[in-house]
């Protein structure tokens, strides 16, 4: 995303060009070569991951780590609370959710996040449905909470197929943040299509399984070009397979059902994910930059959001 374009960038007095979100150079073979090309027309990159700033600078690009946008949710849910970036999380209201949907005390709730794009949802929801069909006889009172993206095509599709779902299901419409985190709080585990939702589950400290399938050519390209073994950001940041990933040919109903059963019935595995999530959140906060801003301004954390740090970075360049 570009905040300001440089018209006639060869001129030193032209407008500054800020680029928000660095290319995923760390994920692909030859990825750093893209950074050298960006240096020709970008003045500053606003990075959302902790390792990106140093690598950008090594490749001739001014850069600032401003924090991951998903952290804006933390600030929204923790306004007015005394908190530190090291222990922040989003706690929904499990009791309210269970009462609202008349769930019995013994109901086993799994949150399901099938994706945000129609073709992705069509592909993944079919696999997920067969996985839950295999789980229903092994888990008494199994309830699925399906989180529906704010996409009319996705909403229409899910509305059209939900009557075939193998277990009782609750649909959570997109855009209802508090209801979403209440559902997370009421869930034991989650199953999600790889994407930003994996980071939301980290905020909620909800253990999960990550799944992904794509067109066969897309899968081939990813397997050929990727230089990291993981697809979910928490695993990438910790460089460990703390979150089970079922990818490509391994993303089958039987494999997903097995991974979910194992996670639901193993408290140690759940706790390992929860502890790892705390570490991931620490990595996503630009703590040093927040401390510097607190020294310059009257506001205190958690009022400093990634967007505010990005804005402060841009203003400081304009003033200089």
Protein backbone atom coordinates (compact mmCIF):
# COMPACT_ATOMS: atom_id res chain seq x y z
CA UNK A 1 0.00 0.00 0.00
CA UNK A 2 1.41 3.40 -0.98
CA UNK A 3 0.78 6.43 1.24
CA UNK A 4 2.30 9.04 -1.05
CA UNK A 5 3.71 8.84 -4.54
CA UNK A 6 6.79 10.65 -5.77
CA UNK A 7 6.00 12.49 -8.95
CA UNK A 8 9.25 12.72 -10.87
CA UNK A 9 11.17 10.77 -8.25
CA UNK A 10 14.48 11.78 -9.73
CA UNK A 11 14.01 15.25 -8.25
CA UNK A 12 15.21 15.51 -4.67
CA UNK A 13 12.42 17.95 -3.79
CA UNK A 14 9.62 15.62 -4.95
CA UNK A 15 7.00 14.20 -2.57
CA UNK A 16 8.14 11.37 -0.31
CA UNK A 17 7.04 7.89 -1.26
CA UNK A 18 6.06 5.62 1.68
CA UNK A 19 5.27 1.96 1.13
CA UNK A 20 3.12 0.25 3.79
CA UNK A 21 3.83 -3.51 4.20
CA UNK A 22 7.09 -4.83 2.83
CA UNK A 23 7.08 -7.51 0.13
CA UNK A 24 7.25 -11.02 1.63
CA UNK A 25 10.90 -11.31 0.62
CA UNK A 26 11.54 -13.71 3.51
CA UNK A 27 9.10 -16.29 2.11
CA UNK A 28 10.38 -16.72 -1.45
CA UNK A 29 13.60 -17.77 -3.12
CA UNK A 30 15.29 -14.64 -4.47
CA UNK A 31 12.90 -12.46 -2.50
CA UNK A 32 15.52 -9.93 -1.39
CA UNK A 33 16.19 -9.02 -5.02
CA UNK A 34 12.78 -7.29 -5.06
CA UNK A 35 13.95 -4.95 -2.31
CA UNK A 36 16.81 -3.61 -4.40
CA UNK A 37 14.31 -2.70 -7.11
CA UNK A 38 12.06 -0.91 -4.62
CA UNK A 39 14.95 1.30 -3.54
CA UNK A 40 14.72 3.09 -6.90
CA UNK A 41 11.32 4.64 -6.17
CA UNK A 42 10.48 4.13 -2.47
CA UNK A 43 11.81 6.47 0.21
CA UNK A 44 10.66 4.50 3.24
CA UNK A 45 9.00 1.16 3.98
CA UNK A 46 6.69 0.72 6.96
CA UNK A 47 7.23 -2.89 8.04
CA UNK A 48 4.70 -5.02 9.92
CA UNK A 49 7.03 -7.87 10.94
CA UNK A 50 10.05 -7.60 13.26
CA UNK A 51 12.69 -9.10 10.98
CA UNK A 52 11.89 -6.91 7.99
CA UNK A 53 13.35 -3.56 9.05
CA UNK A 54 16.97 -4.74 9.33
CA UNK A 55 16.88 -6.64 6.03
CA UNK A 56 15.35 -3.68 4.19
CA UNK A 57 18.11 -1.42 5.50
CA UNK A 58 20.78 -3.90 4.42
CA UNK A 59 19.34 -3.64 0.91
CA UNK A 60 19.48 0.17 0.80
CA UNK A 61 15.92 0.92 1.95
CA UNK A 62 15.02 3.12 4.90
CA UNK A 63 12.50 1.18 6.98
CA UNK A 64 10.60 1.28 10.25
CA UNK A 65 8.93 -1.61 12.07
CA UNK A 66 5.51 -0.24 13.10
CA UNK A 67 3.77 -3.43 14.29
CA UNK A 68 1.22 -5.77 12.76
CA UNK A 69 -2.23 -4.31 11.86
CA UNK A 70 -4.05 -7.13 13.67
CA UNK A 71 -2.87 -5.52 16.92
CA UNK A 72 -5.38 -2.73 16.35
CA UNK A 73 -7.95 -5.22 17.71
CA UNK A 74 -6.06 -5.44 21.00
CA UNK A 75 -6.20 -1.70 21.49
CA UNK A 76 -9.94 -1.60 20.71
CA UNK A 77 -10.66 -4.30 23.30
CA UNK A 78 -8.31 -2.91 25.97
CA UNK A 79 -8.98 0.83 25.90
CA UNK A 80 -8.90 2.22 29.41
CA UNK A 81 -7.12 -0.81 30.86
CA UNK A 82 -3.67 -0.80 32.39
CA UNK A 83 -1.75 -3.25 30.25
CA UNK A 84 1.62 -3.99 28.71
CA UNK A 85 2.30 -5.27 25.21
CA UNK A 86 3.82 -8.37 26.78
CA UNK A 87 0.61 -9.68 28.35
CA UNK A 88 -2.15 -8.26 26.18
CA UNK A 89 -4.73 -10.57 24.76
CA UNK A 90 -8.39 -10.41 23.78
CA UNK A 91 -10.74 -12.15 26.17
CA UNK A 92 -14.28 -12.62 24.92
CA UNK A 93 -17.24 -13.53 27.09
CA UNK A 94 -17.76 -17.27 26.89
CA UNK A 95 -20.74 -17.30 29.26
CA UNK A 96 -22.61 -14.65 27.28
CA UNK A 97 -22.04 -16.54 24.05
CA UNK A 98 -23.21 -19.86 25.45
CA UNK A 99 -26.26 -18.22 26.98
CA UNK A 100 -27.09 -16.31 23.79
CA UNK A 101 -27.10 -19.52 21.71
CA UNK A 102 -28.51 -21.79 24.46
CA UNK A 103 -25.49 -24.10 24.46
CA UNK A 104 -25.47 -26.85 27.06
CA UNK A 105 -22.59 -27.03 29.57
CA UNK A 106 -21.34 -30.17 27.82
CA UNK A 107 -21.33 -28.73 24.29
CA UNK A 108 -17.95 -29.06 22.57
CA UNK A 109 -17.48 -25.93 20.45
CA UNK A 110 -15.06 -25.67 17.54
CA UNK A 111 -14.64 -22.34 15.75
CA UNK A 112 -14.34 -22.68 11.98
CA UNK A 113 -12.85 -19.96 9.77
CA UNK A 114 -13.06 -21.10 6.12
CA UNK A 115 -11.59 -17.98 4.48
CA UNK A 116 -12.65 -14.68 2.94
CA UNK A 117 -12.62 -15.29 -0.83
CA UNK A 118 -15.41 -17.22 -2.52
CA UNK A 119 -13.31 -19.79 -4.39
CA UNK A 120 -11.25 -20.37 -1.25
CA UNK A 121 -14.38 -20.89 0.86
CA UNK A 122 -15.95 -23.26 -1.70
CA UNK A 123 -12.79 -25.36 -1.76
CA UNK A 124 -12.12 -25.42 1.98
CA UNK A 125 -15.67 -25.70 3.31
CA UNK A 126 -16.23 -28.95 1.45
CA UNK A 127 -13.10 -30.46 3.06
CA UNK A 128 -14.07 -29.11 6.47
CA UNK A 129 -17.60 -30.53 6.18
CA UNK A 130 -16.28 -34.05 5.59
CA UNK A 131 -13.85 -33.63 8.50
CA UNK A 132 -16.69 -32.73 10.86
CA UNK A 133 -18.72 -35.63 9.54
CA UNK A 134 -15.91 -37.89 10.75
CA UNK A 135 -15.74 -36.12 14.12
CA UNK A 136 -19.43 -36.15 15.01
CA UNK A 137 -19.51 -39.72 16.35
CA UNK A 138 -16.34 -39.24 18.43
CA UNK A 139 -17.20 -35.91 20.08
CA UNK A 140 -20.56 -35.75 21.89
CA UNK A 141 -22.56 -32.53 21.51
CA UNK A 142 -20.21 -31.17 18.86
CA UNK A 143 -21.11 -27.62 17.77
CA UNK A 144 -19.49 -25.72 14.91
CA UNK A 145 -19.26 -21.94 15.03
CA UNK A 146 -18.67 -20.80 11.45
CA UNK A 147 -17.21 -17.32 11.11
CA UNK A 148 -18.49 -15.82 7.86
CA UNK A 149 -16.37 -13.19 6.09
CA UNK A 150 -17.85 -9.80 5.21
CA UNK A 151 -18.28 -10.76 1.57
CA UNK A 152 -21.76 -10.99 0.08
CA UNK A 153 -20.79 -13.83 -2.26
CA UNK A 154 -19.35 -15.81 0.63
CA UNK A 155 -22.41 -15.12 2.79
CA UNK A 156 -24.76 -16.29 0.03
CA UNK A 157 -22.75 -19.44 -0.58
CA UNK A 158 -22.60 -20.46 3.09
CA UNK A 159 -26.32 -19.72 3.53
CA UNK A 160 -26.97 -22.06 0.61
CA UNK A 161 -24.96 -25.03 1.90
CA UNK A 162 -25.31 -24.79 5.68
CA UNK A 163 -28.40 -27.03 5.70
CA UNK A 164 -26.11 -29.91 4.66
CA UNK A 165 -23.66 -29.33 7.52
CA UNK A 166 -23.15 -32.60 9.45
CA UNK A 167 -23.39 -31.13 12.98
CA UNK A 168 -25.30 -28.20 14.53
CA UNK A 169 -23.79 -24.90 13.36
CA UNK A 170 -23.89 -21.26 14.42
CA UNK A 171 -23.08 -18.59 11.85
CA UNK A 172 -21.18 -15.50 13.01
CA UNK A 173 -21.48 -12.64 10.50
CA UNK A 174 -18.39 -10.65 9.60
CA UNK A 175 -17.81 -7.27 11.17
CA UNK A 176 -19.06 -8.23 14.65
CA UNK A 177 -15.76 -8.09 16.51
CA UNK A 178 -17.03 -8.63 20.05
CA UNK A 179 -19.27 -11.51 19.02
CA UNK A 180 -16.35 -13.08 17.17
CA UNK A 181 -14.10 -13.02 20.22
CA UNK A 182 -16.95 -14.22 22.46
CA UNK A 183 -17.22 -17.23 20.13
CA UNK A 184 -13.46 -17.77 20.33
CA UNK A 185 -13.68 -17.69 24.12
CA UNK A 186 -16.45 -20.30 24.09
CA UNK A 187 -14.48 -22.61 21.77
CA UNK A 188 -12.05 -25.32 22.77
CA UNK A 189 -10.08 -25.21 19.52
CA UNK A 190 -10.36 -23.72 16.02
CA UNK A 191 -9.86 -24.88 12.45
CA UNK A 192 -8.93 -22.15 10.00
CA UNK A 193 -7.85 -21.59 6.44
CA UNK A 194 -4.39 -20.04 6.41
CA UNK A 195 -4.51 -16.24 6.60
CA UNK A 196 -4.75 -13.30 8.99
CA UNK A 197 -7.34 -15.18 11.06
CA UNK A 198 -4.51 -17.29 12.46
CA UNK A 199 -3.20 -14.12 14.10
CA UNK A 200 -6.65 -13.30 15.51
CA UNK A 201 -6.69 -16.73 17.12
CA UNK A 202 -3.31 -15.90 18.66
CA UNK A 203 -4.80 -12.76 20.19
CA UNK A 204 -7.62 -14.87 21.65
CA UNK A 205 -5.13 -17.55 22.81
CA UNK A 206 -7.29 -20.16 21.06
CA UNK A 207 -5.37 -23.29 19.96
CA UNK A 208 -5.93 -24.12 16.32
CA UNK A 209 -5.18 -26.22 13.27
CA UNK A 210 -4.30 -24.38 10.04
CA UNK A 211 -5.35 -25.80 6.67
CA UNK A 212 -4.76 -24.77 3.07
CA UNK A 213 -5.55 -26.05 -0.41
CA UNK A 214 -5.35 -24.18 -3.70
CA UNK A 215 -5.39 -24.84 -7.42
CA UNK A 216 -2.84 -27.52 -8.28
CA UNK A 217 -0.70 -25.04 -10.24
CA UNK A 218 -0.69 -22.60 -7.33
CA UNK A 219 0.34 -25.37 -4.96
CA UNK A 220 3.13 -26.42 -7.30
CA UNK A 221 4.39 -22.84 -7.56
CA UNK A 222 4.39 -22.38 -3.77
CA UNK A 223 6.24 -25.63 -3.20
CA UNK A 224 8.79 -24.73 -5.87
CA UNK A 225 9.42 -21.11 -4.89
CA UNK A 226 8.93 -21.04 -1.10
CA UNK A 227 12.06 -21.04 1.04
CA UNK A 228 10.33 -21.55 4.41
CA UNK A 229 8.61 -24.74 5.59
CA UNK A 230 5.58 -23.06 7.18
CA UNK A 231 2.57 -21.14 5.89
CA UNK A 232 1.02 -19.69 9.07
CA UNK A 233 2.61 -16.54 10.46
CA UNK A 234 2.85 -17.78 14.08
CA UNK A 235 4.93 -20.76 12.94
CA UNK A 236 7.03 -18.53 10.69
CA UNK A 237 7.76 -16.04 13.48
CA UNK A 238 8.70 -18.74 16.00
CA UNK A 239 10.38 -20.96 13.38
CA UNK A 240 8.57 -23.98 14.77
CA UNK A 241 5.59 -26.18 13.95
CA UNK A 242 3.77 -25.24 17.14
CA UNK A 243 0.50 -24.95 15.18
CA UNK A 244 -0.37 -28.08 13.18
CA UNK A 245 -0.56 -27.31 9.46
CA UNK A 246 -2.40 -29.51 6.96
CA UNK A 247 -1.29 -28.21 3.57
CA UNK A 248 -1.92 -29.16 -0.03
CA UNK A 249 -2.24 -32.95 -0.46
CA UNK A 250 -2.10 -33.38 3.34
CA UNK A 251 -5.23 -31.25 3.71
CA UNK A 252 -7.71 -34.11 3.80
CA UNK A 253 -10.83 -34.62 5.95
CA UNK A 254 -9.25 -37.61 7.69
CA UNK A 255 -6.05 -35.75 8.53
CA UNK A 256 -7.93 -32.67 9.77
CA UNK A 257 -10.25 -34.78 11.92
CA UNK A 258 -7.24 -36.55 13.43
CA UNK A 259 -5.40 -33.28 14.17
CA UNK A 260 -8.49 -31.72 15.76
CA UNK A 261 -9.16 -34.77 17.93
CA UNK A 262 -5.57 -34.80 19.10
CA UNK A 263 -5.61 -31.09 19.93
CA UNK A 264 -9.00 -31.17 21.67
CA UNK A 265 -8.00 -34.01 24.00
CA UNK A 266 -4.42 -32.98 24.74
CA UNK A 267 -4.17 -30.14 27.28
CA UNK A 268 -0.39 -30.05 26.94
CA UNK A 269 -0.60 -29.28 23.22
CA UNK A 270 -3.18 -26.59 23.90
CA UNK A 271 -0.99 -24.99 26.56
CA UNK A 272 2.04 -25.06 24.25
CA UNK A 273 0.09 -23.06 21.66
CA UNK A 274 -1.11 -20.60 24.29
CA UNK A 275 2.42 -19.97 25.58
CA UNK A 276 3.72 -19.63 22.02
CA UNK A 277 0.96 -17.13 21.23
CA UNK A 278 2.17 -14.90 24.05
CA UNK A 279 5.63 -14.90 22.50
CA UNK A 280 4.24 -14.16 19.04
CA UNK A 281 2.36 -11.11 20.34
CA UNK A 282 5.58 -9.85 21.92
CA UNK A 283 7.33 -10.14 18.57
CA UNK A 284 4.61 -8.18 16.80
CA UNK A 285 4.92 -5.12 19.04
CA UNK A 286 7.67 -2.60 18.25
CA UNK A 287 8.41 -2.13 21.95
CA UNK A 288 11.45 0.12 21.57
CA UNK A 289 9.58 2.46 19.25
CA UNK A 290 6.64 2.64 21.68
CA UNK A 291 9.00 3.55 24.53
CA UNK A 292 10.51 6.34 22.41
CA UNK A 293 7.06 7.69 21.57
CA UNK A 294 5.97 7.55 25.22
CA UNK A 295 8.98 9.70 26.09
CA UNK A 296 8.01 12.25 23.44
CA UNK A 297 4.23 12.34 24.03
CA UNK A 298 1.80 12.24 26.94
CA UNK A 299 -0.03 9.13 25.73
CA UNK A 300 0.78 5.73 27.13
CA UNK A 301 0.46 2.20 25.83
CA UNK A 302 -1.97 0.72 24.69
CA UNK A 303 -2.95 3.95 22.92
CA UNK A 304 -0.10 3.49 20.44
CA UNK A 305 -1.47 1.45 17.57
CA UNK A 306 0.54 0.31 14.54
CA UNK A 307 -1.33 2.89 12.46
CA UNK A 308 -0.39 5.63 14.91
CA UNK A 309 3.26 4.60 14.88
CA UNK A 310 3.16 4.60 11.07
CA UNK A 311 1.64 8.08 11.06
CA UNK A 312 4.25 9.32 13.53
CA UNK A 313 7.01 7.92 11.29
CA UNK A 314 5.64 9.73 8.25
CA UNK A 315 5.23 13.02 10.15
CA UNK A 316 8.76 12.85 11.50
CA UNK A 317 10.09 12.55 7.94
CA UNK A 318 7.96 15.44 6.75
CA UNK A 319 9.20 17.67 9.57
CA UNK A 320 12.81 16.76 8.89
